[in-house]
Protein backbone atom coordinates (compact mmCIF):
# COMPACT_ATOMS: atom_id res chain seq x y z
CA UNK A 1 56.88 53.63 112.18
CA UNK A 2 58.20 53.99 109.42
CA UNK A 3 61.02 56.23 107.87
CA UNK A 4 58.18 58.47 106.68
CA UNK A 5 58.35 59.56 109.86
CA UNK A 6 61.41 60.42 110.46
CA UNK A 7 63.04 61.98 107.06
CA UNK A 8 62.36 64.61 104.80
CA UNK A 9 62.83 64.50 101.09
CA UNK A 10 64.47 67.07 99.12
CA UNK A 11 62.90 69.63 97.28
CA UNK A 12 63.90 71.22 93.73
CA UNK A 13 66.20 74.21 95.35
CA UNK A 14 67.54 71.92 97.69
CA UNK A 15 65.65 72.53 100.49
CA UNK A 16 64.20 70.10 102.46
CA UNK A 17 60.29 68.94 103.33
CA UNK A 18 58.72 68.13 106.38
CA UNK A 19 57.93 64.27 105.38
CA UNK A 20 57.29 63.65 108.72
CA UNK A 21 53.91 66.02 108.86
CA UNK A 22 52.61 63.21 106.07
CA UNK A 23 53.29 59.59 108.43
CA UNK A 24 49.79 59.48 109.85
CA UNK A 25 48.64 59.32 106.86
CA UNK A 26 50.78 56.46 106.13
CA UNK A 27 49.80 55.05 108.78
CA UNK A 28 46.47 55.32 107.89
CA UNK A 29 46.68 53.71 104.65
CA UNK A 30 48.30 50.90 105.83
CA UNK A 31 45.62 50.43 109.18
CA UNK A 32 43.22 50.14 106.68
CA UNK A 33 44.67 48.39 103.72
CA UNK A 34 43.62 50.40 100.61
CA UNK A 35 43.74 50.66 97.72
CA UNK A 36 45.02 53.36 94.97
CA UNK A 37 44.98 55.62 94.39
CA UNK A 38 43.32 58.03 96.28
CA UNK A 39 43.39 60.88 98.69
CA UNK A 40 44.32 60.77 102.52
CA UNK A 41 42.78 63.81 104.32
CA UNK A 42 44.20 64.49 108.10
CA UNK A 43 41.54 67.08 109.81
CA UNK A 44 43.69 67.45 113.15
CA UNK A 45 45.81 69.92 110.12
CA UNK A 46 42.80 71.33 108.99
CA UNK A 47 41.64 72.14 112.13
CA UNK A 48 45.26 73.07 112.78
CA UNK A 49 45.59 75.89 109.42
CA UNK A 50 41.62 77.12 110.59
CA UNK A 51 42.52 77.83 114.40
CA UNK A 52 45.90 79.51 113.02
CA UNK A 53 44.01 81.89 110.68
CA UNK A 54 42.10 83.02 112.69
CA UNK A 55 44.65 84.46 115.03
CA UNK A 56 46.51 85.42 112.20
CA UNK A 57 43.16 87.37 111.62
CA UNK A 58 41.66 87.72 114.77
CA UNK A 59 39.19 90.51 113.13
CA UNK A 60 37.97 88.46 110.59
CA UNK A 61 35.17 85.64 109.94
CA UNK A 62 36.46 82.53 107.43
CA UNK A 63 34.41 81.79 104.63
CA UNK A 64 35.99 78.51 103.49
CA UNK A 65 35.64 78.18 99.91
CA UNK A 66 33.52 74.45 99.26
CA UNK A 67 34.99 74.26 95.91
CA UNK A 68 38.44 73.77 97.03
CA UNK A 69 37.43 70.46 98.33
CA UNK A 70 34.22 69.10 99.67
CA UNK A 71 34.17 66.25 101.83
CA UNK A 72 31.27 65.42 103.71
CA UNK A 73 33.63 64.98 106.86
CA UNK A 74 35.45 68.13 105.84
CA UNK A 75 32.41 70.58 105.81
CA UNK A 76 31.17 69.19 109.07
CA UNK A 77 34.12 70.19 110.60
CA UNK A 78 34.41 73.77 109.70
CA UNK A 79 30.82 73.80 110.92
CA UNK A 80 31.68 72.81 114.17
CA UNK A 81 34.27 75.16 114.78
CA UNK A 82 32.31 78.06 113.12
CA UNK A 83 33.52 78.81 109.76
CA UNK A 84 30.84 80.11 106.67
CA UNK A 85 31.00 79.09 103.20
CA UNK A 86 32.30 80.56 99.70
CA UNK A 87 29.80 78.53 97.37
CA UNK A 88 29.59 78.42 93.93
CA UNK A 89 26.46 76.50 92.71
CA UNK A 90 22.97 75.37 94.54
CA UNK A 91 24.73 72.15 94.68
CA UNK A 92 27.85 73.44 96.84
CA UNK A 93 24.85 74.77 98.95
CA UNK A 94 23.04 71.43 99.33
CA UNK A 95 26.17 69.95 100.57
CA UNK A 96 26.83 72.75 103.17
CA UNK A 97 23.18 72.77 104.67
CA UNK A 98 23.69 68.92 104.57
CA UNK A 99 26.91 69.31 106.82
CA UNK A 100 24.65 71.38 109.40
CA UNK A 101 25.93 74.81 108.50
CA UNK A 102 23.78 77.89 108.87
CA UNK A 103 22.62 79.60 105.47
CA UNK A 104 23.04 82.69 106.87
CA UNK A 105 26.41 81.91 106.92
CA UNK A 106 26.95 81.12 102.90
CA UNK A 107 28.40 83.36 100.53
CA UNK A 108 26.67 82.73 96.51
CA UNK A 109 30.06 84.03 95.19
CA UNK A 110 29.90 82.67 91.94
CA UNK A 111 29.54 86.24 89.85
CA UNK A 112 27.61 83.85 87.61
CA UNK A 113 24.80 82.35 88.04
CA UNK A 114 21.54 80.96 86.92
CA UNK A 115 18.50 82.49 87.91
CA UNK A 116 17.29 79.55 88.97
CA UNK A 117 19.75 79.43 91.03
CA UNK A 118 19.86 82.86 92.86
CA UNK A 119 15.88 81.87 93.74
CA UNK A 120 16.89 78.15 94.74
CA UNK A 121 19.80 80.15 97.11
CA UNK A 122 16.96 83.04 98.81
CA UNK A 123 14.33 80.71 99.38
CA UNK A 124 16.53 78.34 101.84
CA UNK A 125 18.44 81.37 103.00
CA UNK A 126 21.79 82.42 101.46
CA UNK A 127 22.08 86.16 102.07
CA UNK A 128 24.46 86.96 100.21
CA UNK A 129 24.98 87.40 96.17
CA UNK A 130 28.49 88.38 94.37
CA UNK A 131 28.06 89.63 91.12
CA UNK A 132 30.55 92.11 88.61
CA UNK A 133 28.15 92.82 85.63
CA UNK A 134 24.45 95.09 85.43
CA UNK A 135 22.93 91.98 83.67
CA UNK A 136 23.94 89.24 87.09
CA UNK A 137 22.36 92.12 89.34
CA UNK A 138 19.63 92.28 87.76
CA UNK A 139 18.98 88.86 87.87
CA UNK A 140 19.86 89.28 91.84
CA UNK A 141 16.89 91.82 91.46
CA UNK A 142 14.17 89.85 90.47
CA UNK A 143 15.34 86.14 92.03
CA UNK A 144 16.09 87.79 95.15
CA UNK A 145 14.60 90.67 96.20
CA UNK A 146 15.88 92.29 98.86
CA UNK A 147 19.29 90.51 99.17
CA UNK A 148 22.64 91.93 100.14
CA UNK A 149 25.16 92.05 97.47
CA UNK A 150 29.43 91.49 97.18
CA UNK A 151 30.84 93.38 93.87
CA UNK A 152 33.98 92.11 92.66
CA UNK A 153 36.09 94.20 91.47
CA UNK A 154 39.27 93.22 89.36
CA UNK A 155 43.11 93.44 90.37
CA UNK A 156 45.92 92.00 88.65
CA UNK A 157 47.31 88.54 89.91
CA UNK A 158 51.28 88.12 89.36
CA UNK A 159 52.58 85.94 92.28
CA UNK A 160 49.71 83.64 91.83
CA UNK A 161 50.39 79.71 90.34
CA UNK A 162 47.10 79.99 89.35
CA UNK A 163 45.93 83.74 88.18
CA UNK A 164 42.46 83.84 87.81
CA UNK A 165 41.35 87.14 86.80
CA UNK A 166 40.97 87.30 83.23
CA UNK A 167 37.10 85.92 84.23
CA UNK A 168 36.20 87.71 87.05
CA UNK A 169 35.64 91.49 88.13
CA UNK A 170 33.99 94.19 87.50
CA UNK A 171 37.15 96.20 86.54
CA UNK A 172 38.39 99.72 88.18
CA UNK A 173 36.64 101.40 90.90
CA UNK A 174 34.40 103.49 89.11
CA UNK A 175 32.89 100.29 87.32
CA UNK A 176 31.71 99.27 91.12
CA UNK A 177 30.59 102.95 91.99
CA UNK A 178 28.47 102.17 89.20
CA UNK A 179 26.46 98.73 89.80
CA UNK A 180 27.02 99.64 93.45
CA UNK A 181 23.92 102.69 93.38
CA UNK A 182 22.49 100.35 90.15
CA UNK A 183 21.95 97.96 92.73
CA UNK A 184 21.00 100.33 95.75
CA UNK A 185 18.57 101.63 92.74
CA UNK A 186 17.15 97.95 92.78
CA UNK A 187 15.63 98.06 95.87
CA UNK A 188 19.44 95.91 96.77
CA UNK A 189 21.74 96.02 99.95
CA UNK A 190 24.89 97.21 98.58
CA UNK A 191 26.90 95.37 101.65
CA UNK A 192 30.48 94.85 100.56
CA UNK A 193 33.27 94.40 98.09
CA UNK A 194 35.69 91.69 96.73
CA UNK A 195 38.73 90.82 94.92
CA UNK A 196 40.32 88.26 94.87
CA UNK A 197 44.97 87.77 94.35
CA UNK A 198 45.03 84.92 92.46
CA UNK A 199 45.27 81.04 94.07
CA UNK A 200 48.61 80.19 95.65
CA UNK A 201 49.59 83.71 95.73
CA UNK A 202 53.12 83.65 96.54
CA UNK A 203 53.45 87.49 97.33
CA UNK A 204 51.31 88.68 100.78
CA UNK A 205 51.86 92.67 99.39
CA UNK A 206 49.37 91.90 96.33
CA UNK A 207 46.14 91.97 98.60
CA UNK A 208 47.44 95.62 98.94
CA UNK A 209 45.69 97.08 95.75
CA UNK A 210 42.79 95.27 96.16
CA UNK A 211 42.59 97.14 99.39
CA UNK A 212 42.98 100.57 97.96
CA UNK A 213 40.80 100.11 95.56
CA UNK A 214 38.10 98.59 97.46
CA UNK A 215 38.79 101.83 100.17
CA UNK A 216 38.06 104.12 97.01
CA UNK A 217 35.17 102.45 96.05
CA UNK A 218 33.89 103.17 100.08
CA UNK A 219 34.63 106.69 100.32
CA UNK A 220 33.06 107.43 96.83
CA UNK A 221 29.74 105.50 98.08
CA UNK A 222 30.05 106.80 101.51
CA UNK A 223 29.55 110.49 100.23
CA UNK A 224 26.23 109.40 97.76
CA UNK A 225 24.34 107.74 101.19
CA UNK A 226 25.43 104.51 100.97
CA UNK A 227 27.49 102.59 103.58
CA UNK A 228 29.78 99.85 102.58
CA UNK A 229 29.42 97.69 105.42
CA UNK A 230 31.81 94.69 104.26
CA UNK A 231 35.49 93.78 102.55
CA UNK A 232 35.88 90.32 101.69
CA UNK A 233 39.76 89.20 101.10
CA UNK A 234 38.85 87.04 99.12
CA UNK A 235 41.56 84.10 98.83
CA UNK A 236 44.95 83.42 97.39
CA UNK A 237 46.52 81.67 100.92
CA UNK A 238 48.47 79.32 99.37
CA UNK A 239 49.68 75.51 100.90
CA UNK A 240 52.96 74.94 101.43
CA UNK A 241 54.51 73.17 97.85
CA UNK A 242 58.22 74.53 99.41
CA UNK A 243 59.29 75.86 101.89
CA UNK A 244 60.64 78.88 99.83
CA UNK A 245 56.55 80.62 100.57
CA UNK A 246 56.36 83.15 103.42
CA UNK A 247 54.95 82.20 106.45
CA UNK A 248 51.01 83.22 106.94
CA UNK A 249 51.89 85.66 109.57
CA UNK A 250 53.69 87.63 106.99
CA UNK A 251 50.74 87.38 104.81
CA UNK A 252 48.96 88.83 107.96
CA UNK A 253 50.67 91.80 108.80
CA UNK A 254 50.46 92.65 105.08
CA UNK A 255 46.90 92.80 104.93
CA UNK A 256 47.56 94.49 108.41
CA UNK A 257 49.77 97.29 107.24
CA UNK A 258 47.46 97.92 104.16
CA UNK A 259 44.14 97.77 105.90
CA UNK A 260 45.84 100.93 108.20
CA UNK A 261 47.02 102.84 104.55
CA UNK A 262 43.79 102.87 103.40
CA UNK A 263 40.61 102.71 106.06
CA UNK A 264 40.90 104.94 108.95
CA UNK A 265 38.72 102.20 110.89
CA UNK A 266 39.10 98.90 110.14
CA UNK A 267 35.89 97.02 108.56
CA UNK A 268 34.13 94.17 109.36
CA UNK A 269 36.26 91.40 107.22
CA UNK A 270 35.20 88.14 105.24
CA UNK A 271 38.62 86.01 104.38
CA UNK A 272 37.78 82.91 101.81
CA UNK A 273 40.67 80.30 101.97
CA UNK A 274 40.18 77.14 99.98
CA UNK A 275 43.40 75.82 99.25
CA UNK A 276 45.09 76.97 102.09
CA UNK A 277 42.98 75.24 104.85
CA UNK A 278 42.70 71.83 103.02
CA UNK A 279 45.66 71.49 100.63
CA UNK A 280 48.16 70.61 103.15
CA UNK A 281 46.64 68.53 105.10
CA UNK A 282 45.77 66.01 101.89
CA UNK A 283 48.29 63.16 100.91
CA UNK A 284 47.32 61.58 97.42
CA UNK A 285 49.21 58.17 97.54
CA UNK A 286 49.80 56.98 93.92
CA UNK A 287 51.39 53.22 92.64
CA UNK A 288 53.80 53.31 89.64
CA UNK A 289 52.50 51.53 86.86
CA UNK A 290 55.37 51.76 84.34
CA UNK A 291 59.10 52.98 84.68
CA UNK A 292 61.12 53.17 81.26
CA UNK A 293 63.28 55.18 78.69
CA UNK A 294 61.81 56.24 75.49
CA UNK A 295 63.86 58.33 72.60
CA UNK A 296 66.79 59.53 73.00
CA UNK A 297 66.89 57.66 76.57
CA UNK A 298 64.42 59.88 78.70
CA UNK A 299 62.79 58.15 81.81
CA UNK A 300 59.68 58.18 81.55
CA UNK A 301 57.09 57.21 85.18
CA UNK A 302 53.21 56.28 84.11
CA UNK A 303 51.03 56.17 87.85
CA UNK A 304 47.92 55.27 88.18
CA UNK A 305 46.76 58.83 88.66
CA UNK A 306 47.26 61.69 85.78
CA UNK A 307 45.18 64.85 84.78
CA UNK A 308 41.95 63.17 84.92
CA UNK A 309 41.49 61.81 87.90
CA UNK A 310 42.48 64.59 90.18
CA UNK A 311 45.81 66.23 89.33
CA UNK A 312 44.03 69.14 86.54
CA UNK A 313 46.15 72.27 88.34
CA UNK A 314 49.70 70.07 86.49
CA UNK A 315 47.88 71.83 83.76
CA UNK A 316 50.98 74.00 82.60
CA UNK A 317 52.95 72.65 85.57
CA UNK A 318 51.85 75.89 86.99
CA UNK A 319 51.02 73.21 91.01
CA UNK A 320 54.63 70.80 91.48
CA UNK A 321 53.82 68.94 93.95
CA UNK A 322 55.59 68.07 96.30
CA UNK A 323 56.75 64.26 95.68
CA UNK A 324 58.06 60.86 97.67
CA UNK A 325 58.64 57.27 96.99
CA UNK A 326 58.26 54.21 99.11
CA UNK A 327 58.54 50.66 99.02
CA UNK A 328 57.86 48.33 100.92
CA UNK A 329 56.70 51.45 103.50
CA UNK A 330 60.51 52.70 102.93
CA UNK A 331 61.89 55.17 101.52
CA UNK A 332 63.49 55.66 98.50
CA UNK A 333 65.98 58.33 97.09
CA UNK A 334 69.77 57.84 97.46
CA UNK A 335 69.95 58.33 93.73
CA UNK A 336 67.81 61.07 91.78
CA UNK A 337 67.46 61.78 87.86
CA UNK A 338 64.86 63.06 85.61
CA UNK A 339 61.80 61.34 84.91
CA UNK A 340 58.99 63.00 82.99
CA UNK A 341 55.94 61.76 84.70
CA UNK A 342 52.59 61.34 83.24
CA UNK A 343 49.32 59.42 84.00
CA UNK A 344 47.85 56.09 83.36
CA UNK A 345 45.21 57.21 80.70
CA UNK A 346 45.12 56.74 77.02
CA UNK A 347 45.19 60.64 76.38
CA UNK A 348 48.69 62.92 74.94
CA UNK A 349 47.74 65.09 77.08
CA UNK A 350 48.11 62.89 80.52
CA UNK A 351 51.20 64.26 81.32
CA UNK A 352 51.98 65.85 84.44
CA UNK A 353 56.14 67.79 84.29
CA UNK A 354 57.37 66.97 80.98
CA UNK A 355 59.03 70.67 80.44
CA UNK A 356 60.38 70.72 83.92
CA UNK A 357 61.28 66.94 84.64
CA UNK A 358 60.81 65.44 88.32
CA UNK A 359 63.43 63.77 90.44
CA UNK A 360 62.92 60.74 90.63
CA UNK A 361 64.40 57.70 92.71
CA UNK A 362 66.82 55.71 90.10
CA UNK A 363 65.50 52.20 90.52
CA UNK A 364 61.71 53.38 90.97
CA UNK A 365 59.73 50.32 89.42
CA UNK A 366 56.57 48.75 88.67
CA UNK A 367 54.89 48.04 92.18
CA UNK A 368 56.36 51.26 94.17
CA UNK A 369 54.24 54.35 95.60
CA UNK A 370 54.22 57.73 94.91
CA UNK A 371 52.95 60.05 96.85
CA UNK A 372 51.94 64.00 95.84
CA UNK A 373 51.81 65.98 99.25
CA UNK A 374 49.93 68.81 99.81
CA UNK A 375 47.16 68.14 97.86
CA UNK A 376 44.15 67.89 100.15
CA UNK A 377 42.59 71.02 97.40
CA UNK A 378 41.04 71.43 94.17
CA UNK A 379 42.20 67.79 93.08
CA UNK A 380 38.80 65.44 94.02
CA UNK A 381 36.70 68.05 93.11
CA UNK A 382 38.40 67.86 89.55
CA UNK A 383 38.53 64.43 88.46
CA UNK A 384 36.54 62.96 86.06
CA UNK A 385 33.52 61.11 86.13
CA UNK A 386 35.29 58.53 84.29
CA UNK A 387 37.41 58.88 81.74
CA UNK A 388 39.13 55.58 80.31
CA UNK A 389 36.97 54.01 83.07
CA UNK A 390 39.66 55.15 85.53
CA UNK A 391 37.21 55.99 88.96
CA UNK A 392 37.04 59.04 90.39
CA UNK A 393 39.70 59.94 92.70
CA UNK A 394 38.36 58.02 96.74
CA UNK A 395 39.10 60.66 99.97
CA UNK A 396 39.57 59.68 102.78
CA UNK A 397 39.31 61.42 106.02
CA UNK A 398 40.53 60.84 109.05
CA UNK A 399 41.67 62.68 112.29
CA UNK A 400 39.15 65.92 113.63
């Protein structure tokens, strides 16, 4: 066992990040003599998170957002656990069905779909389709007559490290009422309402506004004879990039309290975690390619993975992955100093952290390893096909 199993690395706040949980990743890497960069995904940790979520929200069906990561081993594990899936394309439908998923446990959650994609999904047994515009609703009615539909409303995503409200959502509750009445007239089944509080949401109370708005729409529709039976709480549950985040129980408590405030009785619930399920279970191991000093004495460290190799969420330095440095299996870091961290490609955009440099060991040099922790979600799916000739990030799953 290496020192990775025994120590913790300091994060920006000075608190200690639990590095020991990644000892299994390190052991797997060494046992299989793998090359960097690569993503290592601990399926036992994924299963642990799934069970914890079911316990925290026992009344909610879990639908994994496949866009966060679609390794076949991961999808097969979630099928065995009884998970449903939020899919964004026919390609994701293919992957879920290949893993053994029941098509009736798939929700076509992308609100922008081709007519042919809707038609193909309906033919293969998908029953639930999301929309947030009248034009999309018309497509669904034509391509999947009689389908169940879920209307996505708009909520503000303050508190989210990766906000997504600008591109999606039908607007105010009144607009959702109009659209679901239209769905009924088109012969569709208005089944559900949904919202999304933003990815990596740090404030549990932010689910309240979405739940409140959905309750308002549900009451308005009931007065018109249309019953909404399902509330989809969306995604937003975070990975633990630092220890300052609230625990899962805080999110569950806030959701339960909000439901009690706004609904006379709790509706059937779905929650669609993406990042939360595999995020903490992943480690990306990279190799230092160059460590040097540039103008004004600024230190730069280049590694063999960057923005185009899976770390797209470092855009704007939005997601600050915990980092640990190793040499020969032993942790480095007795002396740290700020460094700009950059990827390997010949593109000036391939810089991960510059506005807020990362504190890295002063003796870090080419050939050392730099691990990006909590990288099981939204990394491998973001890879370019082969920019600069670098192959997409290889993923290895173990456990489960």
